[in-house]
Amino acid sequence: MIERADINSVLMQMRTIKAQVQATSSDVSHVAPQGLKESNGIGRTSFGDILKTAVDGVNDAQADAKKLAVAYEQGDSSIDLPQVMIAAEKASVSFQAMTQVRNRLVSAYEDIMKMPI
C-alpha cells in the first residue's frame, strides 16, 4: 500500500505543477512550482527554469535509487529490498516521462521548422 501512496503523491505534484504552468501569464501573483526561483522580477518562471528543475528532479531520483541500491548491496540493515525497488521504479518512471517530454518538444520544434514563412 505504501507504493500506491507514493504514486498518488507524485501524480498530485505533477498535477499541481501542470496547473501552475497553465496559469495565465498576466497573473502577477503566479506561484512558481516548489523549488523554482523567480527568473525575473515580476514573479513568472521561465520555461527553461521549469525544464531544468524537471531534469534535476529526474537526476535526483536516479541518484537516490543508485545510493539505495549500493547501500542494500553493501548490507545496510536499515534498507530493505522493497524500498530499493520502489526507488528504482520511481527513477525509471520519471526518466520515461522526461523522455516523452523531450520527444514532444523535438516533434513540436520540427513542426515549427516545417511551417512556411
C-alpha atoms as a PDB file:
ATOM      1  CA  MET A   1       0.000   0.000   0.000  1.00  0.00           C
ATOM      2  CA  ILE A   2       2.989   2.288   0.504  1.00  0.00           C
ATOM      3  CA  GLU A   3       3.803   2.383  -3.196  1.00  0.00           C
ATOM      4  CA  ARG A   4       0.207   3.429  -4.047  1.00  0.00           C
ATOM      5  CA  ALA A   5       0.536   6.425  -1.710  1.00  0.00           C
ATOM      6  CA  ASP A   6       3.851   7.311  -3.334  1.00  0.00           C
ATOM      7  CA  ILE A   7       2.336   7.146  -6.807  1.00  0.00           C
ATOM      8  CA  ASN A   8      -0.610   9.283  -5.725  1.00  0.00           C
ATOM      9  CA  SER A   9       1.679  11.907  -4.208  1.00  0.00           C
ATOM     10  CA  VAL A  10       3.801  12.031  -7.381  1.00  0.00           C
ATOM     11  CA  LEU A  11       0.661  12.382  -9.502  1.00  0.00           C
ATOM     12  CA  MET A  12      -0.610  15.163  -7.231  1.00  0.00           C
ATOM     13  CA  GLN A  13       2.704  17.020  -7.560  1.00  0.00           C
ATOM     14  CA  MET A  14       2.591  16.653 -11.345  1.00  0.00           C
ATOM     15  CA  ARG A  15      -0.973  17.987 -11.459  1.00  0.00           C
ATOM     16  CA  THR A  16      -0.020  20.938  -9.248  1.00  0.00           C
ATOM     17  CA  ILE A  17       2.916  21.847 -11.475  1.00  0.00           C
ATOM     18  CA  LYS A  18       0.752  21.478 -14.582  1.00  0.00           C
ATOM     19  CA  ALA A  19      -1.884  23.796 -13.107  1.00  0.00           C
ATOM     20  CA  GLN A  20       0.750  26.346 -12.170  1.00  0.00           C
ATOM     21  CA  VAL A  21       2.310  26.258 -15.630  1.00  0.00           C
ATOM     22  CA  GLN A  22      -1.084  26.689 -17.271  1.00  0.00           C
ATOM     23  CA  ALA A  23      -1.839  29.784 -15.177  1.00  0.00           C
ATOM     24  CA  THR A  24      -2.211  32.884 -17.268  1.00  0.00           C
ATOM     25  CA  SER A  25       0.964  34.824 -17.860  1.00  0.00           C
ATOM     26  CA  SER A  26      -0.743  38.083 -16.882  1.00  0.00           C
ATOM     27  CA  ASP A  27      -1.263  36.824 -13.354  1.00  0.00           C
ATOM     28  CA  VAL A  28       1.456  38.581 -11.339  1.00  0.00           C
ATOM     29  CA  SER A  29       0.602  36.557  -8.234  1.00  0.00           C
ATOM     30  CA  HIS A  30       1.665  33.376 -10.077  1.00  0.00           C
ATOM     31  CA  VAL A  31       3.341  30.992  -7.670  1.00  0.00           C
ATOM     32  CA  ALA A  32       6.295  29.039  -9.043  1.00  0.00           C
ATOM     33  CA  PRO A  33       6.368  25.271  -8.601  1.00  0.00           C
ATOM     34  CA  GLN A  34       8.155  24.136  -5.480  1.00  0.00           C
ATOM     35  CA  GLY A  35      11.913  24.508  -5.747  1.00  0.00           C
ATOM     36  CA  LEU A  36      11.868  27.087  -8.537  1.00  0.00           C
ATOM     37  CA  LYS A  37      13.199  30.595  -8.112  1.00  0.00           C
ATOM     38  CA  GLU A  38      11.719  33.578  -9.830  1.00  0.00           C
ATOM     39  CA  SER A  39      13.673  34.131 -13.013  1.00  0.00           C
ATOM     40  CA  ASN A  40      12.522  37.707 -13.443  1.00  0.00           C
ATOM     41  CA  GLY A  41      11.299  40.385 -11.105  1.00  0.00           C
ATOM     42  CA  ILE A  42       7.584  40.027 -11.829  1.00  0.00           C
ATOM     43  CA  GLY A  43       7.028  36.566 -10.391  1.00  0.00           C
ATOM     44  CA  ARG A  44       6.866  34.404 -13.513  1.00  0.00           C
ATOM     45  CA  THR A  45       9.017  31.381 -14.102  1.00  0.00           C
ATOM     46  CA  SER A  46      10.570  30.752 -17.498  1.00  0.00           C
ATOM     47  CA  PHE A  47      10.064  27.542 -19.414  1.00  0.00           C
ATOM     48  CA  GLY A  48      13.807  26.886 -19.216  1.00  0.00           C
ATOM     49  CA  ASP A  49      13.702  27.030 -15.415  1.00  0.00           C
ATOM     50  CA  ILE A  50      10.777  24.618 -15.269  1.00  0.00           C
ATOM     51  CA  LEU A  51      12.517  22.217 -17.642  1.00  0.00           C
ATOM     52  CA  LYS A  52      15.798  22.433 -15.710  1.00  0.00           C
ATOM     53  CA  THR A  53      14.014  21.710 -12.445  1.00  0.00           C
ATOM     54  CA  ALA A  54      12.300  18.696 -14.010  1.00  0.00           C
ATOM     55  CA  VAL A  55      15.588  17.326 -15.358  1.00  0.00           C
ATOM     56  CA  ASP A  56      17.251  17.907 -11.988  1.00  0.00           C
ATOM     57  CA  GLY A  57      14.391  16.049 -10.296  1.00  0.00           C
ATOM     58  CA  VAL A  58      14.873  13.060 -12.603  1.00  0.00           C
ATOM     59  CA  ASN A  59      18.606  13.128 -11.930  1.00  0.00           C
ATOM     60  CA  ASP A  60      17.994  13.281  -8.163  1.00  0.00           C
ATOM     61  CA  ALA A  61      15.580  10.328  -8.330  1.00  0.00           C
ATOM     62  CA  GLN A  62      18.155   8.272 -10.230  1.00  0.00           C
ATOM     63  CA  ALA A  63      20.936   9.224  -7.813  1.00  0.00           C
ATOM     64  CA  ASP A  64      18.773   8.315  -4.811  1.00  0.00           C
ATOM     65  CA  ALA A  65      17.862   4.955  -6.354  1.00  0.00           C
ATOM     66  CA  LYS A  66      21.511   4.213  -7.033  1.00  0.00           C
ATOM     67  CA  LYS A  67      22.514   5.156  -3.472  1.00  0.00           C
ATOM     68  CA  LEU A  68      19.831   2.898  -2.026  1.00  0.00           C
ATOM     69  CA  ALA A  69      20.848   0.022  -4.302  1.00  0.00           C
ATOM     70  CA  VAL A  70      24.525   0.372  -3.367  1.00  0.00           C
ATOM     71  CA  ALA A  71      23.693   0.573   0.342  1.00  0.00           C
ATOM     72  CA  TYR A  72      21.489  -2.523   0.071  1.00  0.00           C
ATOM     73  CA  GLU A  73      24.208  -4.420  -1.814  1.00  0.00           C
ATOM     74  CA  GLN A  74      26.709  -3.493   0.885  1.00  0.00           C
ATOM     75  CA  GLY A  75      24.430  -4.997   3.529  1.00  0.00           C
ATOM     76  CA  ASP A  76      22.939  -1.907   5.190  1.00  0.00           C
ATOM     77  CA  SER A  77      20.319  -3.360   7.542  1.00  0.00           C
ATOM     78  CA  SER A  78      18.187  -0.190   7.554  1.00  0.00           C
ATOM     79  CA  ILE A  79      17.335  -0.609   3.847  1.00  0.00           C
ATOM     80  CA  ASP A  80      15.061  -3.365   2.631  1.00  0.00           C
ATOM     81  CA  LEU A  81      14.541  -4.671  -0.903  1.00  0.00           C
ATOM     82  CA  PRO A  82      11.048  -3.202  -1.479  1.00  0.00           C
ATOM     83  CA  GLN A  83      12.402   0.252  -0.635  1.00  0.00           C
ATOM     84  CA  VAL A  84      15.153  -0.189  -3.223  1.00  0.00           C
ATOM     85  CA  MET A  85      12.738  -1.469  -5.849  1.00  0.00           C
ATOM     86  CA  ILE A  86      10.285   1.405  -5.307  1.00  0.00           C
ATOM     87  CA  ALA A  87      13.079   3.978  -5.637  1.00  0.00           C
ATOM     88  CA  ALA A  88      14.330   2.286  -8.811  1.00  0.00           C
ATOM     89  CA  GLU A  89      10.824   2.231 -10.293  1.00  0.00           C
ATOM     90  CA  LYS A  90      10.275   5.909  -9.437  1.00  0.00           C
ATOM     91  CA  ALA A  91      13.542   6.755 -11.193  1.00  0.00           C
ATOM     92  CA  SER A  92      12.541   4.669 -14.205  1.00  0.00           C
ATOM     93  CA  VAL A  93       9.083   6.224 -14.494  1.00  0.00           C
ATOM     94  CA  SER A  94      10.433   9.756 -14.133  1.00  0.00           C
ATOM     95  CA  PHE A  95      13.066   9.077 -16.806  1.00  0.00           C
ATOM     96  CA  GLN A  96      10.449   7.674 -19.180  1.00  0.00           C
ATOM     97  CA  ALA A  97       8.244  10.709 -18.599  1.00  0.00           C
ATOM     98  CA  MET A  98      11.152  13.052 -19.274  1.00  0.00           C
ATOM     99  CA  THR A  99      11.953  11.147 -22.465  1.00  0.00           C
ATOM    100  CA  GLN A 100       8.353  11.598 -23.633  1.00  0.00           C
ATOM    101  CA  VAL A 101       8.558  15.324 -22.903  1.00  0.00           C
ATOM    102  CA  ARG A 102      11.766  15.538 -24.908  1.00  0.00           C
ATOM    103  CA  ASN A 103      10.185  13.656 -27.803  1.00  0.00           C
ATOM    104  CA  ARG A 104       7.209  16.019 -27.804  1.00  0.00           C
ATOM    105  CA  LEU A 105       9.483  19.066 -27.724  1.00  0.00           C
ATOM    106  CA  VAL A 106      11.543  17.768 -30.650  1.00  0.00           C
ATOM    107  CA  SER A 107       8.369  16.995 -32.580  1.00  0.00           C
ATOM    108  CA  ALA A 108       6.994  20.490 -31.911  1.00  0.00           C
ATOM    109  CA  TYR A 109      10.287  22.038 -32.992  1.00  0.00           C
ATOM    110  CA  GLU A 110      10.271  20.013 -36.219  1.00  0.00           C
ATOM    111  CA  ASP A 111       6.671  21.047 -36.920  1.00  0.00           C
ATOM    112  CA  ILE A 112       7.557  24.692 -36.428  1.00  0.00           C
ATOM    113  CA  MET A 113      10.572  24.381 -38.696  1.00  0.00           C
ATOM    114  CA  LYS A 114       8.390  22.859 -41.443  1.00  0.00           C
ATOM    115  CA  MET A 115       5.994  25.811 -41.392  1.00  0.00           C
ATOM    116  CA  PRO A 116       6.198  28.070 -44.421  1.00  0.00           C
ATOM    117  CA  ILE A 117       7.267  31.620 -43.799  1.00  0.00           C
END
